[in-house]
Amino acid sequence: MPEGKLVVSLTVNGQPVSATPETTVAAAVLIAGGYTRASVSGEPRAPLCGMGICFECRVWIDGRQHQRSCQILCAPGMDVRTP
């Protein structure tokens, strides 16, 4: 993290992640080394459009499913789960 930047801590699939508040949840998932979901055949999927249209970035955030991670910024204490 750049020195002097505000940093928030959240978890992605139980793994602690540090990010700036300007970081999207989709980026935090990638920082944690994960994918946002699996296809029907089990292949890992990641955000595609980055605009909230394709829905490939859906995750659970604080127990709420189908959250578009490319449209949501990281917040302190956020619990992100990938399906």
N, C-alpha and C. Protein backbone atom coordinates (compact mmCIF):
# COMPACT_ATOMS: atom_id res chain seq x y z
N MET A 1 0.83 -1.19 0.00
CA MET A 1 0.00 0.00 0.00
C MET A 1 0.88 1.25 0.00
N PRO A 2 0.46 2.26 -0.74
CA PRO A 2 1.22 3.51 -0.71
C PRO A 2 1.21 4.13 0.68
N GLU A 3 2.37 4.66 1.07
CA GLU A 3 2.49 5.26 2.39
C GLU A 3 1.56 6.46 2.50
N GLY A 4 0.89 6.59 3.65
CA GLY A 4 -0.02 7.70 3.89
C GLY A 4 -1.43 7.47 3.39
N LYS A 5 -1.66 6.38 2.66
CA LYS A 5 -3.00 6.06 2.16
C LYS A 5 -3.79 5.35 3.25
N LEU A 6 -5.07 5.66 3.34
CA LEU A 6 -5.96 4.97 4.26
C LEU A 6 -6.09 3.53 3.79
N VAL A 7 -6.03 2.60 4.71
CA VAL A 7 -6.14 1.18 4.38
C VAL A 7 -7.29 0.59 5.18
N VAL A 8 -8.08 -0.25 4.52
CA VAL A 8 -9.15 -0.96 5.21
C VAL A 8 -8.81 -2.45 5.19
N SER A 9 -9.26 -3.15 6.21
CA SER A 9 -9.06 -4.60 6.29
C SER A 9 -10.39 -5.29 6.10
N LEU A 10 -10.38 -6.33 5.27
CA LEU A 10 -11.57 -7.14 5.03
C LEU A 10 -11.12 -8.58 4.88
N THR A 11 -12.05 -9.50 4.76
CA THR A 11 -11.68 -10.89 4.53
C THR A 11 -12.33 -11.37 3.24
N VAL A 12 -11.58 -12.21 2.52
CA VAL A 12 -12.08 -12.85 1.32
C VAL A 12 -11.92 -14.34 1.53
N ASN A 13 -13.04 -15.03 1.65
CA ASN A 13 -13.02 -16.48 1.94
C ASN A 13 -12.18 -16.79 3.17
N GLY A 14 -12.29 -15.93 4.18
CA GLY A 14 -11.59 -16.12 5.44
C GLY A 14 -10.16 -15.62 5.46
N GLN A 15 -9.65 -15.19 4.32
CA GLN A 15 -8.26 -14.70 4.22
C GLN A 15 -8.26 -13.18 4.40
N PRO A 16 -7.42 -12.65 5.30
CA PRO A 16 -7.36 -11.21 5.47
C PRO A 16 -6.76 -10.52 4.24
N VAL A 17 -7.38 -9.40 3.88
CA VAL A 17 -6.91 -8.60 2.73
C VAL A 17 -6.90 -7.14 3.17
N SER A 18 -5.86 -6.42 2.78
CA SER A 18 -5.78 -4.98 3.01
C SER A 18 -5.92 -4.28 1.67
N ALA A 19 -6.73 -3.23 1.65
CA ALA A 19 -6.95 -2.48 0.41
C ALA A 19 -7.28 -1.04 0.77
N THR A 20 -7.22 -0.18 -0.22
CA THR A 20 -7.65 1.19 0.01
C THR A 20 -9.16 1.24 -0.19
N PRO A 21 -9.83 2.24 0.38
CA PRO A 21 -11.28 2.34 0.22
C PRO A 21 -11.71 2.54 -1.23
N GLU A 22 -10.80 2.93 -2.12
CA GLU A 22 -11.13 3.10 -3.54
C GLU A 22 -11.07 1.80 -4.32
N THR A 23 -10.64 0.72 -3.67
CA THR A 23 -10.50 -0.58 -4.32
C THR A 23 -11.84 -1.28 -4.39
N THR A 24 -12.16 -1.84 -5.56
CA THR A 24 -13.41 -2.60 -5.66
C THR A 24 -13.25 -3.96 -4.99
N VAL A 25 -14.36 -4.54 -4.62
CA VAL A 25 -14.34 -5.88 -4.03
C VAL A 25 -13.79 -6.88 -5.04
N ALA A 26 -14.10 -6.69 -6.32
CA ALA A 26 -13.56 -7.58 -7.36
C ALA A 26 -12.04 -7.59 -7.33
N ALA A 27 -11.43 -6.42 -7.18
CA ALA A 27 -9.97 -6.35 -7.11
C ALA A 27 -9.46 -7.02 -5.84
N ALA A 28 -10.17 -6.87 -4.72
CA ALA A 28 -9.77 -7.51 -3.47
C ALA A 28 -9.80 -9.03 -3.61
N VAL A 29 -10.79 -9.55 -4.32
CA VAL A 29 -10.86 -11.00 -4.56
C VAL A 29 -9.64 -11.44 -5.36
N LEU A 30 -9.27 -10.68 -6.36
CA LEU A 30 -8.09 -11.02 -7.16
C LEU A 30 -6.81 -10.90 -6.34
N ILE A 31 -6.73 -9.88 -5.47
CA ILE A 31 -5.58 -9.73 -4.58
C ILE A 31 -5.43 -10.97 -3.69
N ALA A 32 -6.57 -11.50 -3.26
CA ALA A 32 -6.56 -12.68 -2.40
C ALA A 32 -6.25 -13.96 -3.18
N GLY A 33 -6.12 -13.83 -4.49
CA GLY A 33 -5.75 -14.98 -5.31
C GLY A 33 -6.92 -15.85 -5.71
N GLY A 34 -8.13 -15.29 -5.67
CA GLY A 34 -9.30 -16.09 -5.99
C GLY A 34 -10.03 -15.64 -7.23
N TYR A 35 -11.06 -16.36 -7.54
CA TYR A 35 -11.98 -16.03 -8.62
C TYR A 35 -13.32 -15.71 -8.02
N THR A 36 -14.16 -14.99 -8.75
CA THR A 36 -15.43 -14.58 -8.17
C THR A 36 -16.49 -15.67 -8.19
N ARG A 37 -16.40 -16.60 -9.13
CA ARG A 37 -17.38 -17.68 -9.13
C ARG A 37 -16.92 -18.80 -10.04
N ALA A 38 -17.71 -19.86 -10.10
CA ALA A 38 -17.41 -20.98 -10.99
C ALA A 38 -18.53 -21.12 -12.01
N SER A 39 -18.17 -21.53 -13.21
CA SER A 39 -19.19 -21.77 -14.24
C SER A 39 -19.96 -23.04 -13.90
N VAL A 40 -20.99 -23.33 -14.66
CA VAL A 40 -21.78 -24.54 -14.40
C VAL A 40 -20.95 -25.80 -14.55
N SER A 41 -19.85 -25.72 -15.32
CA SER A 41 -18.98 -26.89 -15.47
C SER A 41 -17.82 -26.88 -14.47
N GLY A 42 -17.80 -25.87 -13.56
CA GLY A 42 -16.78 -25.82 -12.53
C GLY A 42 -15.55 -25.00 -12.87
N GLU A 43 -15.50 -24.41 -14.06
CA GLU A 43 -14.37 -23.57 -14.45
C GLU A 43 -14.40 -22.26 -13.67
N PRO A 44 -13.22 -21.78 -13.21
CA PRO A 44 -13.19 -20.51 -12.47
C PRO A 44 -13.56 -19.35 -13.38
N ARG A 45 -14.35 -18.41 -12.85
CA ARG A 45 -14.77 -17.23 -13.60
C ARG A 45 -14.30 -15.99 -12.85
N ALA A 46 -14.11 -14.92 -13.58
CA ALA A 46 -13.68 -13.65 -13.01
C ALA A 46 -14.50 -12.54 -13.65
N PRO A 47 -14.44 -11.33 -13.09
CA PRO A 47 -15.17 -10.22 -13.70
C PRO A 47 -14.80 -10.06 -15.17
N LEU A 48 -15.78 -9.73 -15.97
CA LEU A 48 -15.56 -9.60 -17.40
C LEU A 48 -15.72 -8.16 -17.87
N CYS A 49 -16.87 -7.56 -17.58
CA CYS A 49 -17.13 -6.22 -18.12
C CYS A 49 -16.66 -5.10 -17.20
N GLY A 50 -16.64 -5.32 -15.89
CA GLY A 50 -16.24 -4.28 -14.95
C GLY A 50 -17.25 -3.15 -14.81
N MET A 51 -18.46 -3.33 -15.36
CA MET A 51 -19.49 -2.30 -15.31
C MET A 51 -20.77 -2.78 -14.65
N GLY A 52 -20.79 -4.01 -14.14
CA GLY A 52 -21.98 -4.53 -13.49
C GLY A 52 -23.03 -5.09 -14.43
N ILE A 53 -22.67 -5.27 -15.70
CA ILE A 53 -23.64 -5.77 -16.68
C ILE A 53 -23.58 -7.28 -16.84
N CYS A 54 -22.39 -7.87 -16.80
CA CYS A 54 -22.24 -9.29 -17.12
C CYS A 54 -22.57 -10.22 -15.96
N PHE A 55 -22.53 -9.73 -14.74
CA PHE A 55 -22.83 -10.50 -13.53
C PHE A 55 -21.83 -11.64 -13.26
N GLU A 56 -20.69 -11.65 -13.94
CA GLU A 56 -19.66 -12.66 -13.69
C GLU A 56 -18.95 -12.42 -12.36
N CYS A 57 -19.12 -11.25 -11.78
CA CYS A 57 -18.37 -10.89 -10.58
C CYS A 57 -19.17 -11.11 -9.29
N ARG A 58 -20.29 -11.78 -9.37
CA ARG A 58 -21.16 -11.92 -8.19
C ARG A 58 -20.49 -12.69 -7.05
N VAL A 59 -20.63 -12.14 -5.86
CA VAL A 59 -20.10 -12.75 -4.63
C VAL A 59 -21.11 -12.54 -3.51
N TRP A 60 -20.82 -13.16 -2.38
CA TRP A 60 -21.56 -12.89 -1.14
C TRP A 60 -20.78 -11.83 -0.38
N ILE A 61 -21.46 -10.79 0.09
CA ILE A 61 -20.83 -9.77 0.92
C ILE A 61 -21.64 -9.63 2.19
N ASP A 62 -21.01 -9.89 3.31
CA ASP A 62 -21.67 -9.81 4.62
C ASP A 62 -22.99 -10.58 4.64
N GLY A 63 -22.96 -11.79 4.02
CA GLY A 63 -24.12 -12.67 4.03
C GLY A 63 -25.16 -12.39 2.96
N ARG A 64 -24.97 -11.36 2.16
CA ARG A 64 -25.91 -11.03 1.08
C ARG A 64 -25.37 -11.58 -0.23
N GLN A 65 -26.12 -12.46 -0.87
CA GLN A 65 -25.64 -13.09 -2.10
C GLN A 65 -25.90 -12.22 -3.33
N HIS A 66 -25.27 -12.58 -4.42
CA HIS A 66 -25.42 -11.94 -5.73
C HIS A 66 -25.04 -10.47 -5.74
N GLN A 67 -24.02 -10.11 -4.96
CA GLN A 67 -23.52 -8.73 -4.96
C GLN A 67 -22.51 -8.58 -6.10
N ARG A 68 -22.65 -7.55 -6.91
CA ARG A 68 -21.73 -7.34 -8.03
C ARG A 68 -20.45 -6.68 -7.51
N SER A 69 -19.42 -7.50 -7.38
CA SER A 69 -18.18 -7.06 -6.73
C SER A 69 -17.45 -5.96 -7.50
N CYS A 70 -17.70 -5.83 -8.78
CA CYS A 70 -17.03 -4.78 -9.55
C CYS A 70 -17.64 -3.41 -9.29
N GLN A 71 -18.79 -3.37 -8.64
CA GLN A 71 -19.51 -2.12 -8.40
C GLN A 71 -19.46 -1.68 -6.94
N ILE A 72 -18.84 -2.48 -6.07
CA ILE A 72 -18.84 -2.20 -4.64
C ILE A 72 -17.42 -1.97 -4.16
N LEU A 73 -17.23 -0.88 -3.41
CA LEU A 73 -15.92 -0.56 -2.87
C LEU A 73 -15.68 -1.26 -1.55
N CYS A 74 -14.43 -1.56 -1.27
CA CYS A 74 -14.05 -2.22 -0.02
C CYS A 74 -14.39 -1.34 1.18
N ALA A 75 -14.84 -1.98 2.24
CA ALA A 75 -15.16 -1.29 3.48
C ALA A 75 -14.56 -2.08 4.64
N PRO A 76 -14.25 -1.40 5.74
CA PRO A 76 -13.65 -2.08 6.89
C PRO A 76 -14.53 -3.22 7.40
N GLY A 77 -13.91 -4.37 7.65
CA GLY A 77 -14.61 -5.50 8.24
C GLY A 77 -15.48 -6.29 7.30
N MET A 78 -15.51 -5.94 6.04
CA MET A 78 -16.34 -6.63 5.05
C MET A 78 -15.95 -8.10 4.98
N ASP A 79 -16.96 -8.98 4.91
CA ASP A 79 -16.71 -10.42 4.76
C ASP A 79 -17.19 -10.82 3.37
N VAL A 80 -16.26 -11.17 2.49
CA VAL A 80 -16.56 -11.53 1.11
C VAL A 80 -16.38 -13.02 0.94
N ARG A 81 -17.35 -13.65 0.31
CA ARG A 81 -17.28 -15.09 0.03
C ARG A 81 -17.57 -15.31 -1.44
N THR A 82 -16.79 -16.17 -2.06
CA THR A 82 -17.04 -16.52 -3.44
C THR A 82 -17.77 -17.85 -3.47
N PRO A 83 -18.70 -18.00 -4.38
CA PRO A 83 -19.45 -19.26 -4.46
C PRO A 83 -18.59 -20.42 -4.89
